[in-house]
């Protein structure tokens, strides 16, 4: 059985029977055939009770929940309150869930952002401009770090590596000292500067003589045909989730750590902090 529109679909009894052909020819498609939605009703005891009643009505004895920390918090509540067996599959471009090296959608978002920034770099070089490009990731800098390195950014700003505005200005002045008349700064949306637009305002007095442009990639990064890596990862984790349920492992997330399948208690996926690769951050400084 598929549940349409997530936990809201559980409450609204929006279930659909699925067969083998229901998931044929979808591996190359972005998005989700079951749709997704936030649910205020699910945050109430009455809403969760209704969701459980509908699960039992359809004789559903276990659930595979695909999503991020919000999805997993909801699954944990139903497990704690009603002992509904859940296994989570990490699906978020932010890659911020503890217990897996990568989440489904992350690699696709990286490649989408990289292709967009490559095009922006062409414009920056042609017109001798400074571009501030903001990428997604919520409070995590995984996308910014890897796309910044992949696109040769002169500066990468992350929530995990706080930089004072004076440091940012000095770094950019060093860039222009070596006669680079264009530059690229990749900014994570959760960075302490408040995002690319706010940063541009703070830099205006010192760098006003350079043409400065801001590009916020936004939801462009959340769509598109999945990369081969994401297609394999999704297939692998989906299978691992079913195996976990069949083997009696409940309220855990199926992930991949060091290329091995791994199960992590659901609550740890958001309570534990997943760290960026600080060796990559040092690499970014070296090759700038």
Protein backbone atom coordinates (compact mmCIF):
# COMPACT_ATOMS: atom_id res chain seq x y z
CA UNK A 1 0.00 0.00 0.00
CA UNK A 2 1.13 3.52 -0.74
CA UNK A 3 0.23 6.49 1.43
CA UNK A 4 -0.35 9.65 -0.55
CA UNK A 5 0.72 13.02 0.86
CA UNK A 6 2.60 11.55 3.83
CA UNK A 7 1.16 11.72 7.33
CA UNK A 8 -1.72 13.90 6.13
CA UNK A 9 -2.67 11.04 3.80
CA UNK A 10 -2.67 8.66 6.75
CA UNK A 11 -5.14 10.92 8.54
CA UNK A 12 -7.29 11.50 5.44
CA UNK A 13 -7.33 7.79 4.54
CA UNK A 14 -5.59 8.54 1.24
CA UNK A 15 -4.19 5.06 0.61
CA UNK A 16 -3.59 3.47 -2.77
CA UNK A 17 -3.02 -0.20 -3.51
CA UNK A 18 0.25 -0.71 -5.35
CA UNK A 19 1.52 -3.49 -7.59
CA UNK A 20 4.73 -4.21 -9.43
CA UNK A 21 3.64 -2.05 -12.37
CA UNK A 22 2.92 0.88 -10.01
CA UNK A 23 6.63 1.56 -9.70
CA UNK A 24 7.76 0.61 -13.19
CA UNK A 25 9.41 3.33 -15.28
CA UNK A 26 9.83 5.78 -12.38
CA UNK A 27 13.52 5.34 -11.52
CA UNK A 28 14.55 8.14 -13.88
CA UNK A 29 11.91 10.60 -12.64
CA UNK A 30 12.39 13.30 -10.04
CA UNK A 31 9.88 14.07 -7.31
CA UNK A 32 7.58 11.42 -5.85
CA UNK A 33 4.63 9.52 -7.30
CA UNK A 34 3.01 9.44 -3.84
CA UNK A 35 3.33 13.22 -3.31
CA UNK A 36 4.39 14.89 -0.12
CA UNK A 37 2.86 17.36 2.33
CA UNK A 38 3.34 18.89 5.75
CA UNK A 39 0.64 18.01 8.26
CA UNK A 40 -0.47 20.23 11.14
CA UNK A 41 -3.10 17.63 12.05
CA UNK A 42 -0.43 15.01 12.66
CA UNK A 43 1.08 17.17 15.40
CA UNK A 44 -2.05 16.61 17.49
CA UNK A 45 -2.87 13.47 19.50
CA UNK A 46 -6.21 13.25 17.70
CA UNK A 47 -4.54 13.36 14.29
CA UNK A 48 -2.06 10.61 15.16
CA UNK A 49 -4.85 8.46 16.56
CA UNK A 50 -6.78 8.82 13.31
CA UNK A 51 -3.67 7.91 11.31
CA UNK A 52 -3.23 4.71 13.31
CA UNK A 53 -6.89 3.79 12.92
CA UNK A 54 -6.54 4.08 9.15
CA UNK A 55 -3.35 2.02 9.11
CA UNK A 56 -5.08 -0.75 11.03
CA UNK A 57 -8.17 -0.52 8.85
CA UNK A 58 -6.01 -1.34 5.84
CA UNK A 59 -4.20 -4.12 7.75
CA UNK A 60 -0.88 -2.30 7.43
CA UNK A 61 1.44 -3.81 10.03
CA UNK A 62 4.63 -1.86 9.23
CA UNK A 63 5.62 1.35 7.44
CA UNK A 64 8.62 2.47 5.42
CA UNK A 65 8.90 6.24 5.85
CA UNK A 66 10.95 8.19 3.29
CA UNK A 67 12.11 11.68 4.22
CA UNK A 68 14.15 13.77 6.61
CA UNK A 69 14.14 14.54 10.32
CA UNK A 70 10.51 15.73 10.34
CA UNK A 71 9.38 12.45 8.81
CA UNK A 72 11.44 10.45 11.29
CA UNK A 73 10.21 12.41 14.31
CA UNK A 74 6.64 11.60 13.26
CA UNK A 75 7.50 7.94 12.81
CA UNK A 76 9.07 7.83 16.25
CA UNK A 77 5.94 9.33 17.81
CA UNK A 78 3.73 6.65 16.28
CA UNK A 79 6.15 3.95 17.37
CA UNK A 80 6.31 5.27 20.94
CA UNK A 81 2.56 5.85 21.27
CA UNK A 82 1.14 2.91 19.29
CA UNK A 83 4.08 0.57 18.63
CA UNK A 84 3.66 0.88 14.86
CA UNK A 85 6.83 -0.65 13.33
CA UNK A 86 8.69 1.91 11.22
CA UNK A 87 11.90 1.88 9.22
CA UNK A 88 13.15 5.15 7.77
CA UNK A 89 14.77 5.76 4.39
CA UNK A 90 16.78 9.03 4.25
CA UNK A 91 15.44 11.21 1.46
CA UNK A 92 16.65 14.82 1.64
CA UNK A 93 19.00 16.90 -0.50
CA UNK A 94 20.51 18.47 2.65
CA UNK A 95 22.45 15.30 3.55
CA UNK A 96 22.15 16.29 7.21
CA UNK A 97 20.91 13.03 8.75
CA UNK A 98 23.21 11.21 11.13
CA UNK A 99 23.63 7.50 10.38
CA UNK A 100 24.28 7.58 6.64
CA UNK A 101 27.11 8.96 4.53
CA UNK A 102 24.68 10.20 1.89
CA UNK A 103 20.95 10.74 1.61
CA UNK A 104 18.78 10.15 -1.45
CA UNK A 105 18.67 13.31 -3.55
CA UNK A 106 21.94 14.79 -2.33
CA UNK A 107 24.06 13.74 -5.30
CA UNK A 108 21.43 14.96 -7.76
CA UNK A 109 21.25 18.32 -5.98
CA UNK A 110 25.05 18.60 -6.06
CA UNK A 111 25.19 18.02 -9.79
CA UNK A 112 22.29 20.39 -10.47
CA UNK A 113 23.94 23.14 -8.43
CA UNK A 114 27.31 22.50 -10.07
CA UNK A 115 25.87 22.81 -13.58
CA UNK A 116 24.08 26.05 -12.66
CA UNK A 117 27.20 27.55 -11.07
CA UNK A 118 29.33 26.57 -14.08
CA UNK A 119 27.01 28.69 -16.23
CA UNK A 120 27.17 31.55 -13.74
CA UNK A 121 30.98 31.35 -13.80
CA UNK A 122 30.92 31.87 -17.58
CA UNK A 123 28.99 35.09 -17.07
CA UNK A 124 31.24 36.21 -14.22
CA UNK A 125 34.36 35.74 -16.37
CA UNK A 126 32.84 37.41 -19.41
CA UNK A 127 31.79 40.53 -17.52
CA UNK A 128 34.43 40.69 -14.76
CA UNK A 129 31.88 40.35 -12.00
CA UNK A 130 31.75 39.03 -8.47
CA UNK A 131 28.98 36.48 -8.06
CA UNK A 132 27.54 35.43 -4.71
CA UNK A 133 25.68 32.14 -5.23
CA UNK A 134 23.45 30.78 -2.49
CA UNK A 135 22.76 27.04 -2.37
CA UNK A 136 20.33 25.09 -0.21
CA UNK A 137 21.04 22.82 2.76
CA UNK A 138 19.15 24.37 5.69
CA UNK A 139 21.58 24.47 8.65
CA UNK A 140 24.12 22.18 6.96
CA UNK A 141 26.89 23.08 4.53
CA UNK A 142 27.32 19.81 2.63
CA UNK A 143 26.01 21.13 -0.71
CA UNK A 144 27.93 24.40 -0.46
CA UNK A 145 31.22 22.67 0.40
CA UNK A 146 31.20 20.13 -2.42
CA UNK A 147 29.80 22.42 -5.12
CA UNK A 148 32.19 25.16 -4.06
CA UNK A 149 35.17 22.86 -4.58
CA UNK A 150 33.74 21.39 -7.78
CA UNK A 151 33.24 24.83 -9.33
CA UNK A 152 36.49 26.41 -8.15
CA UNK A 153 34.89 28.97 -5.88
CA UNK A 154 37.26 31.54 -4.42
CA UNK A 155 35.38 31.44 -1.10
CA UNK A 156 32.95 28.96 0.49
CA UNK A 157 30.83 30.01 3.47
CA UNK A 158 29.30 27.32 5.69
CA UNK A 159 27.30 27.24 8.94
CA UNK A 160 29.86 24.79 10.35
CA UNK A 161 32.81 27.15 9.79
CA UNK A 162 31.80 30.61 10.98
CA UNK A 163 33.71 33.46 9.35
CA UNK A 164 33.60 37.07 10.54
CA UNK A 165 32.77 39.67 7.91
CA UNK A 166 36.28 41.13 8.24
CA UNK A 167 37.77 37.74 7.33
CA UNK A 168 35.48 37.46 4.31
CA UNK A 169 36.47 40.94 3.10
CA UNK A 170 40.17 40.27 3.59
CA UNK A 171 39.91 36.96 1.73
CA UNK A 172 38.22 38.60 -1.25
CA UNK A 173 40.78 41.42 -1.30
CA UNK A 174 43.50 38.78 -1.52
CA UNK A 175 41.68 37.25 -4.48
CA UNK A 176 41.63 40.53 -6.37
CA UNK A 177 45.28 41.20 -5.53
CA UNK A 178 46.32 38.38 -7.85
CA UNK A 179 44.54 40.15 -10.71
CA UNK A 180 41.44 38.01 -10.77
CA UNK A 181 38.84 40.36 -12.10
CA UNK A 182 35.99 37.94 -11.49
CA UNK A 183 35.26 35.83 -8.44
CA UNK A 184 32.76 33.32 -7.16
CA UNK A 185 31.54 32.98 -3.58
CA UNK A 186 29.35 30.00 -2.71
CA UNK A 187 27.16 30.62 0.34
CA UNK A 188 25.15 27.99 2.24
CA UNK A 189 21.65 29.26 3.01
CA UNK A 190 22.19 28.58 6.71
CA UNK A 191 25.46 30.50 6.90
CA UNK A 192 25.80 33.09 9.68
CA UNK A 193 25.97 35.93 7.13
CA UNK A 194 22.23 35.56 6.61
CA UNK A 195 22.49 34.42 3.01
CA UNK A 196 23.90 35.81 -0.22
CA UNK A 197 21.66 38.90 -0.37
CA UNK A 198 22.60 40.01 3.14
CA UNK A 199 26.25 39.32 2.44
CA UNK A 200 26.15 41.45 -0.71
CA UNK A 201 24.90 44.41 1.34
CA UNK A 202 27.73 43.97 3.85
CA UNK A 203 30.32 43.87 1.05
CA UNK A 204 28.98 46.81 -0.92
CA UNK A 205 31.10 49.53 0.71
CA UNK A 206 34.36 47.66 0.18
CA UNK A 207 33.68 46.11 -3.20
CA UNK A 208 31.26 48.55 -4.81
CA UNK A 209 33.66 49.23 -7.67
CA UNK A 210 33.24 45.64 -8.81
CA UNK A 211 30.00 44.56 -10.43
CA UNK A 212 28.39 42.35 -7.78
CA UNK A 213 25.58 39.94 -8.57
CA UNK A 214 23.58 37.59 -6.36
CA UNK A 215 22.05 34.32 -7.51
CA UNK A 216 19.88 32.22 -5.18
CA UNK A 217 19.51 28.78 -6.76
CA UNK A 218 16.62 27.82 -4.47
CA UNK A 219 14.26 25.01 -5.42
CA UNK A 220 16.00 24.47 -8.73
CA UNK A 221 18.21 22.09 -6.74
CA UNK A 222 15.30 19.95 -5.55
CA UNK A 223 14.10 18.64 -8.91
CA UNK A 224 15.31 16.95 -12.04
CA UNK A 225 16.19 13.47 -13.18
CA UNK A 226 18.19 11.60 -10.50
CA UNK A 227 21.85 10.82 -11.06
CA UNK A 228 22.93 7.20 -11.41
CA UNK A 229 24.38 7.37 -7.90
CA UNK A 230 21.04 8.42 -6.43
CA UNK A 231 19.16 5.75 -8.38
CA UNK A 232 21.41 3.02 -7.01
CA UNK A 233 21.33 4.47 -3.49
CA UNK A 234 17.52 4.65 -3.47
CA UNK A 235 17.23 1.06 -4.69
CA UNK A 236 19.75 -0.12 -2.14
CA UNK A 237 18.16 1.65 0.83
CA UNK A 238 14.63 0.63 -0.14
CA UNK A 239 15.69 -2.99 -0.15
CA UNK A 240 17.55 -2.57 3.15
CA UNK A 241 14.46 -1.06 4.78
CA UNK A 242 12.27 -4.02 3.83
CA UNK A 243 14.93 -6.46 5.03
CA UNK A 244 15.12 -4.63 8.35
CA UNK A 245 11.36 -4.95 8.89
CA UNK A 246 11.37 -8.64 7.96
CA UNK A 247 14.18 -9.20 10.45
CA UNK A 248 12.35 -7.45 13.27
CA UNK A 249 14.31 -4.17 13.37
CA UNK A 250 11.91 -1.33 14.16
CA UNK A 251 12.19 2.43 14.59
CA UNK A 252 15.52 2.56 12.81
CA UNK A 253 16.81 4.27 9.67
CA UNK A 254 18.47 2.32 6.88
CA UNK A 255 21.63 4.07 5.74
CA UNK A 256 25.01 3.44 4.14
CA UNK A 257 28.23 3.98 6.11
CA UNK A 258 31.59 3.31 4.45
CA UNK A 259 29.71 1.58 1.62
CA UNK A 260 28.06 -0.87 4.04
CA UNK A 261 24.36 -1.00 4.90
CA UNK A 262 23.77 0.25 8.44
CA UNK A 263 20.79 0.66 10.76
CA UNK A 264 20.66 3.64 13.13
CA UNK A 265 18.07 4.22 15.88
CA UNK A 266 15.61 6.75 14.50
CA UNK A 267 16.06 9.31 17.29
CA UNK A 268 19.81 9.47 16.68
CA UNK A 269 19.30 10.63 13.09
CA UNK A 270 18.37 14.10 14.32
CA UNK A 271 19.72 14.18 17.89
CA UNK A 272 23.28 13.41 16.80
CA UNK A 273 25.14 15.99 14.71
CA UNK A 274 26.48 14.90 11.34
CA UNK A 275 29.78 16.58 10.59
CA UNK A 276 31.03 17.92 7.30
CA UNK A 277 34.38 16.68 6.01
CA UNK A 278 36.79 19.27 7.38
CA UNK A 279 39.58 17.82 5.22
CA UNK A 280 37.58 19.00 2.21
CA UNK A 281 37.28 22.42 3.81
CA UNK A 282 41.06 22.59 4.13
CA UNK A 283 41.37 21.43 0.51
CA UNK A 284 39.16 24.32 -0.56
CA UNK A 285 41.60 26.74 1.06
CA UNK A 286 44.61 25.12 -0.60
CA UNK A 287 43.26 25.13 -4.16
CA UNK A 288 41.55 28.53 -4.00
